[in-house]
Amino acid sequence: MVKRKVAVIGSINMDMVTSTDHVPAQGETVMGKGFKTVPGGKGANQAVAAARLGADVRMIGRVGDDAFGELLKQGLQDEGVCVDHVEPVTHCSSGVATILLSDGDNRIIVTAGANEYVNEAFLSTCEEVIADSDIVLIQLEIPLKAVEYAIALCKKHQVPVILNPAPAQKLSQQTYENSTWITPNESEQAQLFANTNVHLKEKLIVTQGAAGVMWTENGVEQRIAGHRVMPVDTTGAGDTFNGALAVALASGKLMREAVMYANAAAALSVQSFGAQGGMPSNEEVAAFLLERQ
């Protein structure tokens, strides 16, 4: 595929993961089994996915002026993501997710930190890079007014935009109308788009986990099945799907081909630990699709 310019606007977090045999009750202290820090945030994850698939990716977001901020920015650079528009926020922590794993279950606390400063004023300084992109990818882990402003900028410059409405939060009807494509999972689709008009339904590309993907073209429902794989960690599947879809659509693929490509990338991603750990290369996706023909 031709190398295309993909701008990703969104969150950049450090995931702090502690595993334990016993979840502490209030006031209780227990011993943990393991601890690791893993780069995350839906924006950063989708940027890494697109970069590994060969796109020219520009990340637009904020980090804190702390040690995590430096690590997160360097990690994106190491993945080939342009971080010229990732700016530190003075006297502010980076976004973090504190994750407690026990007996196959998890409890998560997300602290937005510097992600709260991905606001309209900041995005106005990034208008040129947005206008120069082949496609823009955005999620809902930054302030909603900033999301609506970013999508309006895309509309102004006639740049196609994929809105990944996660975590599910309702936006204005105009923002949905201004989005080129919207990629909810089944739960988000039920919460946000259960009773939607025909025009908006044509924008939806609904991911259904192992069941595959559903969308509508010319009033006709389309569907492709999921791939049978042995999952290790499904955390980054949705982010991989969105990054891959952005790359495929920016490269001129028709919708069915683009969805098949993104679905294959997501299937590959769940076979390793961590949201970014198993994100595949373009060559790996091509080989996987060839095997599954």
Protein backbone atom coordinates (compact mmCIF):
# COMPACT_ATOMS: atom_id res chain seq x y z
CA MET A 1 0.00 0.00 0.00
CA VAL A 2 1.06 3.60 -0.64
CA LYS A 3 2.30 5.32 2.51
CA ARG A 4 -0.53 7.63 3.60
CA LYS A 5 -0.69 10.40 6.20
CA VAL A 6 -2.81 9.37 9.19
CA ALA A 7 -3.39 11.85 12.03
CA VAL A 8 -4.51 10.35 15.34
CA ILE A 9 -6.07 12.70 17.89
CA GLY A 10 -6.53 11.18 21.33
CA SER A 11 -5.30 9.89 24.65
CA ILE A 12 -1.81 8.83 25.67
CA ASN A 13 -1.62 6.82 28.91
CA MET A 14 0.70 4.66 30.93
CA ASP A 15 -1.01 1.48 32.11
CA MET A 16 0.22 0.32 35.53
CA VAL A 17 -0.72 -3.33 35.93
CA THR A 18 -0.55 -5.18 39.26
CA SER A 19 -1.49 -8.87 39.55
CA THR A 20 -2.50 -10.43 42.87
CA ASP A 21 -4.17 -13.58 44.20
CA HIS A 22 -6.44 -11.58 46.48
CA VAL A 23 -8.17 -8.23 45.95
CA PRO A 24 -7.74 -6.18 49.14
CA ALA A 25 -10.78 -5.11 51.11
CA GLN A 26 -11.03 -1.56 52.46
CA GLY A 27 -8.09 -0.90 54.78
CA GLU A 28 -6.40 -4.21 53.89
CA THR A 29 -2.87 -4.64 52.51
CA VAL A 30 -2.00 -7.69 50.39
CA MET A 31 1.07 -8.83 48.50
CA GLY A 32 1.13 -8.59 44.73
CA LYS A 33 2.45 -11.24 42.35
CA GLY A 34 3.74 -8.98 39.61
CA PHE A 35 3.83 -5.42 38.28
CA LYS A 36 4.49 -3.92 34.88
CA THR A 37 4.04 -0.62 33.09
CA VAL A 38 2.61 -0.81 29.58
CA PRO A 39 2.08 2.13 27.18
CA GLY A 40 -1.60 2.64 26.44
CA GLY A 41 -4.41 5.09 25.82
CA LYS A 42 -6.74 4.55 22.88
CA GLY A 43 -5.13 7.34 20.86
CA ALA A 44 -1.59 6.07 21.29
CA ASN A 45 -2.66 2.48 20.69
CA GLN A 46 -4.34 3.36 17.39
CA ALA A 47 -1.35 5.43 16.32
CA VAL A 48 1.01 2.50 16.94
CA ALA A 49 -1.30 0.13 15.06
CA ALA A 50 -1.36 2.42 12.01
CA ALA A 51 2.41 2.99 12.11
CA ARG A 52 3.21 -0.72 12.23
CA LEU A 53 1.02 -1.17 9.17
CA GLY A 54 3.16 1.29 7.22
CA ALA A 55 1.34 4.62 7.49
CA ASP A 56 2.96 8.02 8.03
CA VAL A 57 1.38 8.63 11.45
CA ARG A 58 1.22 11.94 13.30
CA MET A 59 0.05 11.76 16.92
CA ILE A 60 -1.83 14.76 18.32
CA GLY A 61 -2.08 14.66 22.12
CA ARG A 62 -0.64 15.70 25.47
CA VAL A 63 1.54 14.09 28.14
CA GLY A 64 2.61 15.30 31.57
CA ASP A 65 5.94 16.85 32.48
CA ASP A 66 6.82 13.70 34.40
CA ALA A 67 8.89 10.57 33.80
CA PHE A 68 5.93 8.77 32.23
CA GLY A 69 5.53 11.61 29.74
CA GLU A 70 9.08 11.19 28.52
CA LEU A 71 8.72 7.40 28.27
CA LEU A 72 5.40 7.61 26.42
CA LYS A 73 6.67 10.12 23.89
CA GLN A 74 9.87 8.14 23.28
CA GLY A 75 7.87 4.93 22.93
CA LEU A 76 5.76 6.47 20.17
CA GLN A 77 8.90 7.72 18.42
CA ASP A 78 10.44 4.25 18.63
CA GLU A 79 7.34 2.92 16.81
CA GLY A 80 7.87 5.42 13.99
CA VAL A 81 5.09 7.80 15.06
CA CYS A 82 5.73 11.52 14.55
CA VAL A 83 5.41 13.26 17.95
CA ASP A 84 5.89 16.86 16.83
CA HIS A 85 2.34 17.53 18.05
CA VAL A 86 2.61 15.69 21.37
CA GLU A 87 3.17 18.47 23.90
CA PRO A 88 3.87 18.19 27.65
CA VAL A 89 1.60 20.00 30.09
CA THR A 90 3.52 21.87 32.81
CA HIS A 91 2.86 20.78 36.41
CA CYS A 92 0.56 17.98 35.30
CA SER A 93 0.79 14.19 35.43
CA SER A 94 0.52 12.03 32.35
CA GLY A 95 -2.65 10.03 31.90
CA VAL A 96 -2.55 6.71 33.72
CA ALA A 97 -4.66 3.60 34.06
CA THR A 98 -4.21 1.72 37.33
CA ILE A 99 -5.15 -1.90 36.64
CA LEU A 100 -5.60 -4.59 39.28
CA LEU A 101 -5.66 -8.16 37.94
CA SER A 102 -6.90 -11.04 40.07
CA ASP A 103 -8.32 -14.46 39.20
CA GLY A 104 -9.00 -13.54 35.56
CA ASP A 105 -10.85 -10.34 36.51
CA ASN A 106 -9.71 -6.73 36.46
CA ARG A 107 -10.47 -3.46 38.21
CA ILE A 108 -9.36 -0.28 36.49
CA ILE A 109 -9.03 3.35 37.54
CA VAL A 110 -8.29 5.79 34.70
CA THR A 111 -6.88 9.21 35.55
CA ALA A 112 -6.97 11.53 32.54
CA GLY A 113 -4.13 13.83 33.61
CA ALA A 114 -2.66 15.68 30.62
CA ASN A 115 -5.30 14.22 28.27
CA GLU A 116 -7.74 16.79 29.67
CA TYR A 117 -5.60 19.47 27.98
CA VAL A 118 -6.26 18.14 24.48
CA ASN A 119 -8.71 21.02 24.12
CA GLU A 120 -9.91 23.38 21.41
CA ALA A 121 -7.08 25.85 22.01
CA PHE A 122 -4.46 23.12 21.62
CA LEU A 123 -6.14 21.61 18.55
CA SER A 124 -6.28 25.00 16.86
CA THR A 125 -2.46 24.93 16.82
CA CYS A 126 -2.63 21.57 15.01
CA GLU A 127 -5.02 22.64 12.24
CA GLU A 128 -2.33 22.56 9.57
CA VAL A 129 -1.35 18.94 10.23
CA ILE A 130 -5.02 17.93 10.32
CA ALA A 131 -5.65 19.65 6.98
CA ASP A 132 -2.59 17.93 5.47
CA SER A 133 -3.74 14.41 6.46
CA ASP A 134 -5.28 11.75 4.24
CA ILE A 135 -7.45 10.60 7.14
CA VAL A 136 -7.98 11.48 10.81
CA LEU A 137 -8.75 9.00 13.60
CA ILE A 138 -10.28 10.13 16.89
CA GLN A 139 -11.74 8.51 20.04
CA LEU A 140 -13.54 9.71 23.21
CA GLU A 141 -10.84 9.65 25.90
CA ILE A 142 -10.28 13.40 25.50
CA PRO A 143 -12.79 16.22 26.26
CA LEU A 144 -15.96 15.93 24.16
CA LYS A 145 -15.86 19.57 23.07
CA ALA A 146 -12.39 18.93 21.66
CA VAL A 147 -13.69 15.89 19.75
CA GLU A 148 -16.48 17.95 18.22
CA TYR A 149 -14.06 20.76 17.36
CA ALA A 150 -11.59 18.33 15.74
CA ILE A 151 -14.31 16.73 13.61
CA ALA A 152 -15.50 20.19 12.56
CA LEU A 153 -11.92 21.00 11.45
CA CYS A 154 -11.88 17.81 9.38
CA LYS A 155 -15.16 18.83 7.77
CA LYS A 156 -13.79 22.31 7.07
CA HIS A 157 -10.73 20.89 5.28
CA GLN A 158 -12.61 17.99 3.64
CA VAL A 159 -10.45 15.40 5.40
CA PRO A 160 -12.20 12.06 6.04
CA VAL A 161 -12.48 11.19 9.73
CA ILE A 162 -13.11 7.95 11.60
CA LEU A 163 -14.82 8.44 14.96
CA ASN A 164 -14.30 5.52 17.35
CA PRO A 165 -16.99 6.30 19.98
CA ALA A 166 -15.19 4.67 22.91
CA PRO A 167 -15.78 4.87 25.77
CA ALA A 168 -19.44 5.40 24.79
CA GLN A 169 -20.53 9.01 25.23
CA LYS A 170 -23.24 10.79 23.29
CA LEU A 171 -22.14 13.59 20.95
CA SER A 172 -24.20 16.09 19.01
CA GLN A 173 -26.13 14.91 15.96
CA GLN A 174 -24.10 17.36 13.86
CA THR A 175 -20.84 15.74 14.99
CA TYR A 176 -22.12 12.32 14.00
CA GLU A 177 -23.21 13.76 10.65
CA ASN A 178 -19.79 15.37 10.13
CA SER A 179 -17.98 12.07 10.79
CA THR A 180 -17.19 10.09 7.66
CA TRP A 181 -17.28 6.71 9.44
CA ILE A 182 -18.18 5.69 13.01
CA THR A 183 -16.82 2.46 14.53
CA PRO A 184 -18.70 1.35 17.65
CA ASN A 185 -18.53 -2.13 19.10
CA GLU A 186 -21.81 -3.95 19.81
CA SER A 187 -22.24 -2.40 23.25
CA GLU A 188 -21.52 1.13 22.02
CA GLN A 189 -23.82 0.63 19.04
CA ALA A 190 -26.66 -0.39 21.38
CA GLN A 191 -26.07 2.59 23.68
CA LEU A 192 -25.62 5.29 21.06
CA PHE A 193 -27.19 4.18 17.78
CA ALA A 194 -30.07 1.82 18.60
CA ASN A 195 -32.63 4.11 16.93
CA THR A 196 -30.73 5.93 14.24
CA ASN A 197 -31.71 7.28 10.84
CA VAL A 198 -30.85 5.52 7.58
CA HIS A 199 -28.22 8.11 6.58
CA LEU A 200 -26.32 7.75 9.85
CA LYS A 201 -26.61 3.95 9.77
CA GLU A 202 -24.60 3.99 6.51
CA LYS A 203 -21.68 5.50 8.46
CA LEU A 204 -21.56 2.73 11.08
CA ILE A 205 -18.97 -0.06 11.02
CA VAL A 206 -19.84 -2.25 14.02
CA THR A 207 -17.20 -4.58 15.45
CA GLN A 208 -18.65 -7.71 17.06
CA GLY A 209 -15.61 -9.45 18.52
CA ALA A 210 -15.29 -13.08 17.47
CA ALA A 211 -18.54 -12.73 15.46
CA GLY A 212 -16.88 -10.36 12.99
CA VAL A 213 -17.92 -6.97 11.60
CA MET A 214 -21.19 -5.52 10.28
CA TRP A 215 -21.85 -2.42 8.16
CA THR A 216 -24.41 -1.13 5.64
CA GLU A 217 -23.88 -0.21 1.99
CA ASN A 218 -26.63 1.24 -0.20
CA GLY A 219 -29.22 0.15 2.35
CA VAL A 220 -28.01 -3.46 2.40
CA GLU A 221 -26.49 -4.96 5.55
CA GLN A 222 -23.01 -6.39 5.00
CA ARG A 223 -21.15 -8.76 7.29
CA ILE A 224 -17.86 -10.63 7.51
CA ALA A 225 -17.10 -13.37 10.03
CA GLY A 226 -14.42 -13.26 12.69
CA HIS A 227 -11.28 -15.41 12.49
CA ARG A 228 -10.78 -18.44 14.72
CA VAL A 229 -7.62 -17.79 16.74
CA MET A 230 -6.37 -18.60 20.24
CA PRO A 231 -6.64 -15.28 22.11
CA VAL A 232 -4.06 -14.35 24.75
CA ASP A 233 -5.19 -10.77 25.46
CA THR A 234 -8.05 -9.02 23.65
CA THR A 235 -7.29 -5.58 25.14
CA GLY A 236 -5.99 -3.94 21.95
CA ALA A 237 -8.21 -5.60 19.36
CA GLY A 238 -10.53 -2.64 18.85
CA ASP A 239 -7.66 -0.16 18.66
CA THR A 240 -5.84 -2.36 16.15
CA PHE A 241 -9.00 -2.62 14.06
CA ASN A 242 -9.40 1.16 13.96
CA GLY A 243 -5.77 1.86 13.14
CA ALA A 244 -5.84 -0.73 10.36
CA LEU A 245 -9.15 0.53 8.99
CA ALA A 246 -7.74 4.07 8.80
CA VAL A 247 -4.68 2.85 6.89
CA ALA A 248 -6.75 0.76 4.48
CA LEU A 249 -9.33 3.46 3.72
CA ALA A 250 -6.65 6.15 3.34
CA SER A 251 -4.92 3.85 0.84
CA GLY A 252 -8.05 3.72 -1.32
CA LYS A 253 -9.37 0.26 -0.46
CA LEU A 254 -13.09 -0.29 -0.94
CA MET A 255 -15.05 -0.80 2.27
CA ARG A 256 -15.30 -4.61 2.16
CA GLU A 257 -11.57 -4.98 1.48
CA ALA A 258 -10.74 -2.40 4.17
CA VAL A 259 -12.91 -4.15 6.76
CA MET A 260 -11.40 -7.54 5.91
CA TYR A 261 -7.90 -6.08 6.33
CA ALA A 262 -8.76 -4.46 9.68
CA ASN A 263 -10.52 -7.60 10.91
CA ALA A 264 -7.43 -9.69 10.14
CA ALA A 265 -5.14 -7.20 11.91
CA ALA A 266 -7.37 -7.35 15.00
CA ALA A 267 -7.33 -11.17 14.98
CA LEU A 268 -3.53 -11.15 14.92
CA SER A 269 -3.33 -8.59 17.73
CA VAL A 270 -5.11 -10.71 20.35
CA GLN A 271 -2.45 -13.42 20.23
CA SER A 272 0.04 -11.49 22.39
CA PHE A 273 -0.09 -9.70 25.76
CA GLY A 274 -0.77 -5.97 25.96
CA ALA A 275 -2.77 -3.54 23.86
CA GLN A 276 0.24 -2.77 21.67
CA GLY A 277 2.13 -6.05 22.13
CA GLY A 278 0.63 -8.02 19.26
CA MET A 279 -0.13 -5.26 16.77
CA PRO A 280 0.96 -6.67 13.39
CA SER A 281 2.88 -5.36 10.39
CA ASN A 282 1.35 -5.03 6.93
CA GLU A 283 3.31 -8.09 5.81
CA GLU A 284 1.90 -10.16 8.66
CA VAL A 285 -1.66 -9.13 7.83
CA ALA A 286 -1.16 -9.92 4.14
CA ALA A 287 0.25 -13.37 4.98
CA PHE A 288 -2.60 -14.07 7.41
CA LEU A 289 -5.23 -13.16 4.80
CA LEU A 290 -3.49 -15.33 2.20
CA GLU A 291 -3.56 -18.31 4.58
CA ARG A 292 -7.26 -17.79 5.30
CA GLN A 293 -8.42 -17.60 1.68
